[in-house]
Full PDB file with SEQRES, HELIX, SHEET, SSBOND, CRYST1, ORIGX, SCALE, CONECT and MASTER records, all heavy atoms in Angstrom:
SEQRES   1 A   33  ASN PRO LEU LEU ALA LYS LYS SER PHE MET HIS LEU VAL          
SEQRES   2 A   33  THR SER GLN ASN VAL ASN PRO PHE LEU LYS PHE ILE LEU          
SEQRES   3 A   33  PRO VAL PHE TYR PRO TYR LEU                                  
HELIX    1 AA1 PRO A    2  THR A   14  1                                  13    
HELIX    2 AA2 PRO A   20  TYR A   32  1                                  13    
CRYST1    1.000    1.000    1.000  90.00  90.00  90.00 P 1           1          
ORIGX1      1.000000  0.000000  0.000000        0.00000                         
ORIGX2      0.000000  1.000000  0.000000        0.00000                         
ORIGX3      0.000000  0.000000  1.000000        0.00000                         
SCALE1      1.000000  0.000000  0.000000        0.00000                         
SCALE2      0.000000  1.000000  0.000000        0.00000                         
SCALE3      0.000000  0.000000  1.000000        0.00000                         
ATOM      1  N   ASN A   1      25.439  70.466  55.640  1.00  0.00           N  
ATOM      2  CA  ASN A   1      25.663  71.049  54.320  1.00  0.00           C  
ATOM      3  C   ASN A   1      24.978  70.161  53.277  1.00  0.00           C  
ATOM      4  O   ASN A   1      25.457  69.063  52.994  1.00  0.00           O  
ATOM      5  CB  ASN A   1      27.164  71.143  54.040  1.00  0.00           C  
ATOM      6  CG  ASN A   1      27.482  71.843  52.741  1.00  0.00           C  
ATOM      7  OD1 ASN A   1      26.860  71.584  51.714  1.00  0.00           O  
ATOM      8  ND2 ASN A   1      28.461  72.734  52.770  1.00  0.00           N  
ATOM      9  N   PRO A   2      23.853  70.601  52.712  1.00  0.00           N  
ATOM     10  CA  PRO A   2      23.092  69.752  51.777  1.00  0.00           C  
ATOM     11  C   PRO A   2      23.921  69.213  50.615  1.00  0.00           C  
ATOM     12  O   PRO A   2      23.770  68.053  50.225  1.00  0.00           O  
ATOM     13  CB  PRO A   2      21.982  70.688  51.275  1.00  0.00           C  
ATOM     14  CG  PRO A   2      21.818  71.684  52.376  1.00  0.00           C  
ATOM     15  CD  PRO A   2      23.199  71.895  52.929  1.00  0.00           C  
ATOM     16  N   LEU A   3      24.809  70.040  50.059  1.00  0.00           N  
ATOM     17  CA  LEU A   3      25.614  69.611  48.923  1.00  0.00           C  
ATOM     18  C   LEU A   3      26.589  68.503  49.338  1.00  0.00           C  
ATOM     19  O   LEU A   3      26.704  67.471  48.651  1.00  0.00           O  
ATOM     20  CB  LEU A   3      26.389  70.791  48.347  1.00  0.00           C  
ATOM     21  CG  LEU A   3      27.295  70.482  47.142  1.00  0.00           C  
ATOM     22  CD1 LEU A   3      26.467  69.920  45.999  1.00  0.00           C  
ATOM     23  CD2 LEU A   3      28.056  71.728  46.699  1.00  0.00           C  
ATOM     24  N   LEU A   4      27.275  68.703  50.465  1.00  0.00           N  
ATOM     25  CA  LEU A   4      28.216  67.692  50.932  1.00  0.00           C  
ATOM     26  C   LEU A   4      27.499  66.432  51.404  1.00  0.00           C  
ATOM     27  O   LEU A   4      28.003  65.318  51.229  1.00  0.00           O  
ATOM     28  CB  LEU A   4      29.081  68.264  52.058  1.00  0.00           C  
ATOM     29  CG  LEU A   4      30.029  69.397  51.667  1.00  0.00           C  
ATOM     30  CD1 LEU A   4      30.809  69.888  52.879  1.00  0.00           C  
ATOM     31  CD2 LEU A   4      30.996  68.935  50.581  1.00  0.00           C  
ATOM     32  N   ALA A   5      26.326  66.601  52.001  1.00  0.00           N  
ATOM     33  CA  ALA A   5      25.542  65.449  52.438  1.00  0.00           C  
ATOM     34  C   ALA A   5      25.128  64.592  51.239  1.00  0.00           C  
ATOM     35  O   ALA A   5      25.153  63.356  51.297  1.00  0.00           O  
ATOM     36  CB  ALA A   5      24.313  65.917  53.208  1.00  0.00           C  
ATOM     37  N   LYS A   6      24.753  65.253  50.144  1.00  0.00           N  
ATOM     38  CA  LYS A   6      24.381  64.524  48.926  1.00  0.00           C  
ATOM     39  C   LYS A   6      25.586  63.772  48.368  1.00  0.00           C  
ATOM     40  O   LYS A   6      25.468  62.605  47.956  1.00  0.00           O  
ATOM     41  CB  LYS A   6      23.844  65.496  47.877  1.00  0.00           C  
ATOM     42  CG  LYS A   6      23.425  64.817  46.586  1.00  0.00           C  
ATOM     43  CD  LYS A   6      22.893  65.821  45.556  1.00  0.00           C  
ATOM     44  CE  LYS A   6      22.526  65.127  44.263  1.00  0.00           C  
ATOM     45  NZ  LYS A   6      22.020  66.083  43.245  1.00  0.00           N  
ATOM     46  N   LYS A   7      26.757  64.421  48.362  1.00  0.00           N  
ATOM     47  CA  LYS A   7      27.972  63.761  47.877  1.00  0.00           C  
ATOM     48  C   LYS A   7      28.313  62.553  48.740  1.00  0.00           C  
ATOM     49  O   LYS A   7      28.716  61.499  48.239  1.00  0.00           O  
ATOM     50  CB  LYS A   7      29.142  64.752  47.874  1.00  0.00           C  
ATOM     51  CG  LYS A   7      29.035  65.836  46.812  1.00  0.00           C  
ATOM     52  CD  LYS A   7      30.208  66.801  46.868  1.00  0.00           C  
ATOM     53  CE  LYS A   7      31.509  66.123  46.501  1.00  0.00           C  
ATOM     54  NZ  LYS A   7      32.633  67.084  46.462  1.00  0.00           N  
ATOM     55  N   SER A   8      28.137  62.702  50.046  1.00  0.00           N  
ATOM     56  CA  SER A   8      28.393  61.595  50.959  1.00  0.00           C  
ATOM     57  C   SER A   8      27.453  60.430  50.687  1.00  0.00           C  
ATOM     58  O   SER A   8      27.874  59.264  50.612  1.00  0.00           O  
ATOM     59  CB  SER A   8      28.224  62.083  52.405  1.00  0.00           C  
ATOM     60  OG  SER A   8      28.273  61.005  53.300  1.00  0.00           O  
ATOM     61  N   PHE A   9      26.167  60.751  50.515  1.00  0.00           N  
ATOM     62  CA  PHE A   9      25.164  59.725  50.232  1.00  0.00           C  
ATOM     63  C   PHE A   9      25.487  58.986  48.936  1.00  0.00           C  
ATOM     64  O   PHE A   9      25.476  57.746  48.887  1.00  0.00           O  
ATOM     65  CB  PHE A   9      23.776  60.372  50.152  1.00  0.00           C  
ATOM     66  CG  PHE A   9      22.693  59.423  49.752  1.00  0.00           C  
ATOM     67  CD1 PHE A   9      22.149  58.547  50.668  1.00  0.00           C  
ATOM     68  CD2 PHE A   9      22.219  59.399  48.436  1.00  0.00           C  
ATOM     69  CE1 PHE A   9      21.144  57.660  50.295  1.00  0.00           C  
ATOM     70  CE2 PHE A   9      21.225  58.519  48.061  1.00  0.00           C  
ATOM     71  CZ  PHE A   9      20.683  57.653  48.995  1.00  0.00           C  
ATOM     72  N   MET A  10      25.794  59.721  47.876  1.00  0.00           N  
ATOM     73  CA  MET A  10      26.094  59.103  46.594  1.00  0.00           C  
ATOM     74  C   MET A  10      27.357  58.253  46.661  1.00  0.00           C  
ATOM     75  O   MET A  10      27.446  57.202  46.021  1.00  0.00           O  
ATOM     76  CB  MET A  10      26.235  60.182  45.514  1.00  0.00           C  
ATOM     77  CG  MET A  10      24.950  60.940  45.214  1.00  0.00           C  
ATOM     78  SD  MET A  10      23.579  59.830  44.766  1.00  0.00           S  
ATOM     79  CE  MET A  10      24.256  59.029  43.302  1.00  0.00           C  
ATOM     80  N   HIS A  11      28.323  58.728  47.442  1.00  0.00           N  
ATOM     81  CA  HIS A  11      29.559  57.958  47.589  1.00  0.00           C  
ATOM     82  C   HIS A  11      29.273  56.597  48.222  1.00  0.00           C  
ATOM     83  O   HIS A  11      29.801  55.570  47.784  1.00  0.00           O  
ATOM     84  CB  HIS A  11      30.543  58.740  48.452  1.00  0.00           C  
ATOM     85  CG  HIS A  11      31.861  58.047  48.661  1.00  0.00           C  
ATOM     86  ND1 HIS A  11      32.869  58.058  47.718  1.00  0.00           N  
ATOM     87  CD2 HIS A  11      32.338  57.299  49.691  1.00  0.00           C  
ATOM     88  CE1 HIS A  11      33.903  57.365  48.156  1.00  0.00           C  
ATOM     89  NE2 HIS A  11      33.599  56.890  49.351  1.00  0.00           N  
ATOM     90  N   LEU A  12      28.411  56.583  49.222  1.00  0.00           N  
ATOM     91  CA  LEU A  12      28.105  55.341  49.927  1.00  0.00           C  
ATOM     92  C   LEU A  12      27.291  54.385  49.058  1.00  0.00           C  
ATOM     93  O   LEU A  12      27.592  53.184  48.999  1.00  0.00           O  
ATOM     94  CB  LEU A  12      27.352  55.637  51.223  1.00  0.00           C  
ATOM     95  CG  LEU A  12      28.165  56.282  52.348  1.00  0.00           C  
ATOM     96  CD1 LEU A  12      27.250  56.676  53.506  1.00  0.00           C  
ATOM     97  CD2 LEU A  12      29.254  55.350  52.842  1.00  0.00           C  
ATOM     98  N   VAL A  13      26.281  54.899  48.386  1.00  0.00           N  
ATOM     99  CA  VAL A  13      25.388  54.003  47.634  1.00  0.00           C  
ATOM    100  C   VAL A  13      26.007  53.502  46.336  1.00  0.00           C  
ATOM    101  O   VAL A  13      25.502  52.547  45.737  1.00  0.00           O  
ATOM    102  CB  VAL A  13      24.027  54.673  47.343  1.00  0.00           C  
ATOM    103  CG1 VAL A  13      23.302  54.998  48.636  1.00  0.00           C  
ATOM    104  CG2 VAL A  13      24.197  55.907  46.476  1.00  0.00           C  
ATOM    105  N   THR A  14      27.086  54.122  45.898  1.00  0.00           N  
ATOM    106  CA  THR A  14      27.754  53.662  44.675  1.00  0.00           C  
ATOM    107  C   THR A  14      29.038  52.877  44.962  1.00  0.00           C  
ATOM    108  O   THR A  14      29.642  52.327  44.044  1.00  0.00           O  
ATOM    109  CB  THR A  14      28.104  54.852  43.756  1.00  0.00           C  
ATOM    110  OG1 THR A  14      28.954  55.767  44.465  1.00  0.00           O  
ATOM    111  CG2 THR A  14      26.847  55.556  43.295  1.00  0.00           C  
ATOM    112  N   SER A  15      29.426  52.819  46.225  1.00  0.00           N  
ATOM    113  CA  SER A  15      30.673  52.139  46.583  1.00  0.00           C  
ATOM    114  C   SER A  15      30.519  50.624  46.571  1.00  0.00           C  
ATOM    115  O   SER A  15      29.508  50.078  47.036  1.00  0.00           O  
ATOM    116  CB  SER A  15      31.127  52.588  47.975  1.00  0.00           C  
ATOM    117  OG  SER A  15      32.236  51.812  48.397  1.00  0.00           O  
ATOM    118  N   GLN A  16      31.510  49.949  46.062  1.00  0.00           N  
ATOM    119  CA  GLN A  16      31.511  48.486  46.064  1.00  0.00           C  
ATOM    120  C   GLN A  16      31.789  47.935  47.460  1.00  0.00           C  
ATOM    121  O   GLN A  16      31.585  46.739  47.707  1.00  0.00           O  
ATOM    122  CB  GLN A  16      32.571  47.968  45.089  1.00  0.00           C  
ATOM    123  CG  GLN A  16      32.274  48.282  43.625  1.00  0.00           C  
ATOM    124  CD  GLN A  16      33.320  47.710  42.687  1.00  0.00           C  
ATOM    125  OE1 GLN A  16      34.390  47.279  43.105  1.00  0.00           O  
ATOM    126  NE2 GLN A  16      33.010  47.716  41.407  1.00  0.00           N  
ATOM    127  N   ASN A  17      32.266  48.782  48.369  1.00  0.00           N  
ATOM    128  CA  ASN A  17      32.609  48.329  49.714  1.00  0.00           C  
ATOM    129  C   ASN A  17      31.453  48.428  50.702  1.00  0.00           C  
ATOM    130  O   ASN A  17      31.630  48.155  51.893  1.00  0.00           O  
ATOM    131  CB  ASN A  17      33.785  49.150  50.263  1.00  0.00           C  
ATOM    132  CG  ASN A  17      35.064  48.903  49.498  1.00  0.00           C  
ATOM    133  OD1 ASN A  17      35.292  47.805  49.002  1.00  0.00           O  
ATOM    134  ND2 ASN A  17      35.891  49.927  49.379  1.00  0.00           N  
ATOM    135  N   VAL A  18      30.276  48.830  50.223  1.00  0.00           N  
ATOM    136  CA  VAL A  18      29.120  48.974  51.103  1.00  0.00           C  
ATOM    137  C   VAL A  18      28.150  47.831  50.862  1.00  0.00           C  
ATOM    138  O   VAL A  18      27.776  47.541  49.717  1.00  0.00           O  
ATOM    139  CB  VAL A  18      28.424  50.334  50.890  1.00  0.00           C  
ATOM    140  CG1 VAL A  18      27.158  50.428  51.740  1.00  0.00           C  
ATOM    141  CG2 VAL A  18      29.376  51.472  51.232  1.00  0.00           C  
ATOM    142  N   ASN A  19      27.729  47.201  51.941  1.00  0.00           N  
ATOM    143  CA  ASN A  19      26.785  46.091  51.891  1.00  0.00           C  
ATOM    144  C   ASN A  19      25.490  46.510  51.183  1.00  0.00           C  
ATOM    145  O   ASN A  19      24.958  47.585  51.456  1.00  0.00           O  
ATOM    146  CB  ASN A  19      26.483  45.653  53.341  1.00  0.00           C  
ATOM    147  CG  ASN A  19      25.610  44.423  53.410  1.00  0.00           C  
ATOM    148  OD1 ASN A  19      24.472  44.452  52.977  1.00  0.00           O  
ATOM    149  ND2 ASN A  19      26.151  43.355  53.978  1.00  0.00           N  
ATOM    150  N   PRO A  20      24.959  45.684  50.269  1.00  0.00           N  
ATOM    151  CA  PRO A  20      23.717  46.027  49.549  1.00  0.00           C  
ATOM    152  C   PRO A  20      22.545  46.317  50.484  1.00  0.00           C  
ATOM    153  O   PRO A  20      21.706  47.184  50.181  1.00  0.00           O  
ATOM    154  CB  PRO A  20      23.453  44.779  48.695  1.00  0.00           C  
ATOM    155  CG  PRO A  20      24.798  44.176  48.488  1.00  0.00           C  
ATOM    156  CD  PRO A  20      25.547  44.433  49.754  1.00  0.00           C  
ATOM    157  N   PHE A  21      22.453  45.605  51.597  1.00  0.00           N  
ATOM    158  CA  PHE A  21      21.376  45.861  52.558  1.00  0.00           C  
ATOM    159  C   PHE A  21      21.496  47.266  53.141  1.00  0.00           C  
ATOM    160  O   PHE A  21      20.504  47.958  53.354  1.00  0.00           O  
ATOM    161  CB  PHE A  21      21.417  44.821  53.681  1.00  0.00           C  
ATOM    162  CG  PHE A  21      21.099  43.431  53.224  1.00  0.00           C  
ATOM    163  CD1 PHE A  21      22.095  42.489  53.077  1.00  0.00           C  
ATOM    164  CD2 PHE A  21      19.786  43.060  52.926  1.00  0.00           C  
ATOM    165  CE1 PHE A  21      21.809  41.195  52.650  1.00  0.00           C  
ATOM    166  CE2 PHE A  21      19.478  41.779  52.506  1.00  0.00           C  
ATOM    167  CZ  PHE A  21      20.490  40.848  52.358  1.00  0.00           C  
ATOM    168  N   LEU A  22      22.741  47.679  53.397  1.00  0.00           N  
ATOM    169  CA  LEU A  22      22.970  49.011  53.942  1.00  0.00           C  
ATOM    170  C   LEU A  22      22.590  50.076  52.920  1.00  0.00           C  
ATOM    171  O   LEU A  22      21.987  51.098  53.267  1.00  0.00           O  
ATOM    172  CB  LEU A  22      24.442  49.163  54.350  1.00  0.00           C  
ATOM    173  CG  LEU A  22      24.851  50.506  54.968  1.00  0.00           C  
ATOM    174  CD1 LEU A  22      23.995  50.836  56.180  1.00  0.00           C  
ATOM    175  CD2 LEU A  22      26.327  50.459  55.364  1.00  0.00           C  
ATOM    176  N   LYS A  23      22.924  49.847  51.662  1.00  0.00           N  
ATOM    177  CA  LYS A  23      22.556  50.797  50.607  1.00  0.00           C  
ATOM    178  C   LYS A  23      21.035  50.962  50.533  1.00  0.00           C  
ATOM    179  O   LYS A  23      20.530  52.050  50.287  1.00  0.00           O  
ATOM    180  CB  LYS A  23      23.084  50.310  49.259  1.00  0.00           C  
ATOM    181  CG  LYS A  23      24.592  50.365  49.108  1.00  0.00           C  
ATOM    182  CD  LYS A  23      25.005  49.902  47.722  1.00  0.00           C  
ATOM    183  CE  LYS A  23      26.516  49.928  47.555  1.00  0.00           C  
ATOM    184  NZ  LYS A  23      26.934  49.491  46.198  1.00  0.00           N  
ATOM    185  N   PHE A  24      20.320  49.881  50.762  1.00  0.00           N  
ATOM    186  CA  PHE A  24      18.859  49.908  50.711  1.00  0.00           C  
ATOM    187  C   PHE A  24      18.277  50.744  51.859  1.00  0.00           C  
ATOM    188  O   PHE A  24      17.266  51.440  51.691  1.00  0.00           O  
ATOM    189  CB  PHE A  24      18.323  48.474  50.771  1.00  0.00           C  
ATOM    190  CG  PHE A  24      16.828  48.372  50.715  1.00  0.00           C  
ATOM    191  CD1 PHE A  24      16.142  48.528  49.516  1.00  0.00           C  
ATOM    192  CD2 PHE A  24      16.105  48.135  51.872  1.00  0.00           C  
ATOM    193  CE1 PHE A  24      14.759  48.442  49.466  1.00  0.00           C  
ATOM    194  CE2 PHE A  24      14.720  48.038  51.826  1.00  0.00           C  
ATOM    195  CZ  PHE A  24      14.047  48.200  50.627  1.00  0.00           C  
ATOM    196  N   ILE A  25      18.936  50.699  53.004  1.00  0.00           N  
ATOM    197  CA  ILE A  25      18.438  51.385  54.198  1.00  0.00           C  
ATOM    198  C   ILE A  25      18.806  52.862  54.215  1.00  0.00           C  
ATOM    199  O   ILE A  25      18.081  53.687  54.767  1.00  0.00           O  
ATOM    200  CB  ILE A  25      18.983  50.685  55.463  1.00  0.00           C  
ATOM    201  CG1 ILE A  25      18.370  49.290  55.589  1.00  0.00           C  
ATOM    202  CG2 ILE A  25      18.700  51.493  56.725  1.00  0.00           C  
ATOM    203  CD1 ILE A  25      18.976  48.455  56.692  1.00  0.00           C  
ATOM    204  N   LEU A  26      19.913  53.232  53.598  1.00  0.00           N  
ATOM    205  CA  LEU A  26      20.433  54.592  53.687  1.00  0.00           C  
ATOM    206  C   LEU A  26      19.435  55.693  53.282  1.00  0.00           C  
ATOM    207  O   LEU A  26      19.402  56.748  53.926  1.00  0.00           O  
ATOM    208  CB  LEU A  26      21.720  54.723  52.864  1.00  0.00           C  
ATOM    209  CG  LEU A  26      22.977  54.136  53.505  1.00  0.00           C  
ATOM    210  CD1 LEU A  26      24.144  54.192  52.524  1.00  0.00           C  
ATOM    211  CD2 LEU A  26      23.329  54.861  54.797  1.00  0.00           C  
ATOM    212  N   PRO A  27      18.622  55.510  52.253  1.00  0.00           N  
ATOM    213  CA  PRO A  27      17.681  56.577  51.897  1.00  0.00           C  
ATOM    214  C   PRO A  27      16.706  56.934  53.016  1.00  0.00           C  
ATOM    215  O   PRO A  27      16.214  58.063  53.090  1.00  0.00           O  
ATOM    216  CB  PRO A  27      16.930  56.010  50.685  1.00  0.00           C  
ATOM    217  CG  PRO A  27      17.894  55.050  50.073  1.00  0.00           C  
ATOM    218  CD  PRO A  27      18.609  54.426  51.235  1.00  0.00           C  
ATOM    219  N   VAL A  28      16.439  55.989  53.907  1.00  0.00           N  
ATOM    220  CA  VAL A  28      15.581  56.246  55.062  1.00  0.00           C  
ATOM    221  C   VAL A  28      16.398  56.724  56.247  1.00  0.00           C  
ATOM    222  O   VAL A  28      15.974  57.594  57.014  1.00  0.00           O  
ATOM    223  CB  VAL A  28      14.786  54.973  55.446  1.00  0.00           C  
ATOM    224  CG1 VAL A  28      13.956  55.215  56.702  1.00  0.00           C  
ATOM    225  CG2 VAL A  28      13.911  54.529  54.294  1.00  0.00           C  
ATOM    226  N   PHE A  29      17.583  56.173  56.371  1.00  0.00           N  
ATOM    227  CA  PHE A  29      18.424  56.457  57.536  1.00  0.00           C  
ATOM    228  C   PHE A  29      18.958  57.887  57.523  1.00  0.00           C  
ATOM    229  O   PHE A  29      19.076  58.516  58.584  1.00  0.00           O  
ATOM    230  CB  PHE A  29      19.587  55.453  57.575  1.00  0.00           C  
ATOM    231  CG  PHE A  29      20.231  55.316  58.927  1.00  0.00           C  
ATOM    232  CD1 PHE A  29      19.482  54.932  60.029  1.00  0.00           C  
ATOM    233  CD2 PHE A  29      21.579  55.561  59.106  1.00  0.00           C  
ATOM    234  CE1 PHE A  29      20.066  54.785  61.271  1.00  0.00           C  
ATOM    235  CE2 PHE A  29      22.182  55.435  60.341  1.00  0.00           C  
ATOM    236  CZ  PHE A  29      21.415  55.042  61.435  1.00  0.00           C  
ATOM    237  N   TYR A  30      19.281  58.402  56.368  1.00  0.00           N  
ATOM    238  CA  TYR A  30      19.805  59.767  56.260  1.00  0.00           C  
ATOM    239  C   TYR A  30      18.833  60.801  56.854  1.00  0.00           C  
ATOM    240  O   TYR A  30      19.214  61.599  57.715  1.00  0.00           O  
ATOM    241  CB  TYR A  30      20.120  60.101  54.804  1.00  0.00           C  
ATOM    242  CG  TYR A  30      21.592  60.144  54.465  1.00  0.00           C  
ATOM    243  CD1 TYR A  30      22.339  58.982  54.416  1.00  0.00           C  
ATOM    244  CD2 TYR A  30      22.234  61.343  54.208  1.00  0.00           C  
ATOM    245  CE1 TYR A  30      23.686  59.011  54.100  1.00  0.00           C  
ATOM    246  CE2 TYR A  30      23.579  61.391  53.888  1.00  0.00           C  
ATOM    247  CZ  TYR A  30      24.303  60.222  53.832  1.00  0.00           C  
ATOM    248  OH  TYR A  30      25.643  60.255  53.525  1.00  0.00           O  
ATOM    249  N   PRO A  31      17.574  60.831  56.401  1.00  0.00           N  
ATOM    250  CA  PRO A  31      16.625  61.802  56.985  1.00  0.00           C  
ATOM    251  C   PRO A  31      16.440  61.596  58.490  1.00  0.00           C  
ATOM    252  O   PRO A  31      16.283  62.566  59.240  1.00  0.00           O  
ATOM    253  CB  PRO A  31      15.322  61.523  56.225  1.00  0.00           C  
ATOM    254  CG  PRO A  31      15.758  60.896  54.949  1.00  0.00           C  
ATOM    255  CD  PRO A  31      16.964  60.084  55.290  1.00  0.00           C  
ATOM    256  N   TYR A  32      16.449  60.343  58.926  1.00  0.00           N  
ATOM    257  CA  TYR A  32      16.308  60.052  60.355  1.00  0.00           C  
ATOM    258  C   TYR A  32      17.456  60.676  61.143  1.00  0.00           C  
ATOM    259  O   TYR A  32      17.248  61.315  62.186  1.00  0.00           O  
ATOM    260  CB  TYR A  32      16.275  58.546  60.572  1.00  0.00           C  
ATOM    261  CG  TYR A  32      16.443  58.142  62.024  1.00  0.00           C  
ATOM    262  CD1 TYR A  32      15.380  58.233  62.918  1.00  0.00           C  
ATOM    263  CD2 TYR A  32      17.679  57.680  62.482  1.00  0.00           C  
ATOM    264  CE1 TYR A  32      15.545  57.867  64.251  1.00  0.00           C  
ATOM    265  CE2 TYR A  32      17.844  57.317  63.806  1.00  0.00           C  
ATOM    266  CZ  TYR A  32      16.775  57.412  64.684  1.00  0.00           C  
ATOM    267  OH  TYR A  32      16.945  57.060  66.001  1.00  0.00           O  
ATOM    268  N   LEU A  33      18.673  60.520  60.651  1.00  0.00           N  
ATOM    269  CA  LEU A  33      19.834  61.090  61.329  1.00  0.00           C  
ATOM    270  C   LEU A  33      19.770  62.604  61.370  1.00  0.00           C  
ATOM    271  O   LEU A  33      20.110  63.232  62.376  1.00  0.00           O  
ATOM    272  CB  LEU A  33      21.124  60.646  60.630  1.00  0.00           C  
ATOM    273  CG  LEU A  33      21.573  59.209  60.841  1.00  0.00           C  
ATOM    274  CD1 LEU A  33      22.789  58.912  59.976  1.00  0.00           C  
ATOM    275  CD2 LEU A  33      21.910  58.956  62.300  1.00  0.00           C  
TER     276      LEU A  33                                                      
MASTER        0    0    0    2    0    0    0    6  275    1    0    3          
END                                                                             
């Protein structure tokens, strides 16, 4: 679901509980998955 996937992505990259290195990788990792 593109809308829910976007919400999930934004939740992760804006969360204080996510490692900065992981936030950097997520934009590439999402399309790969």
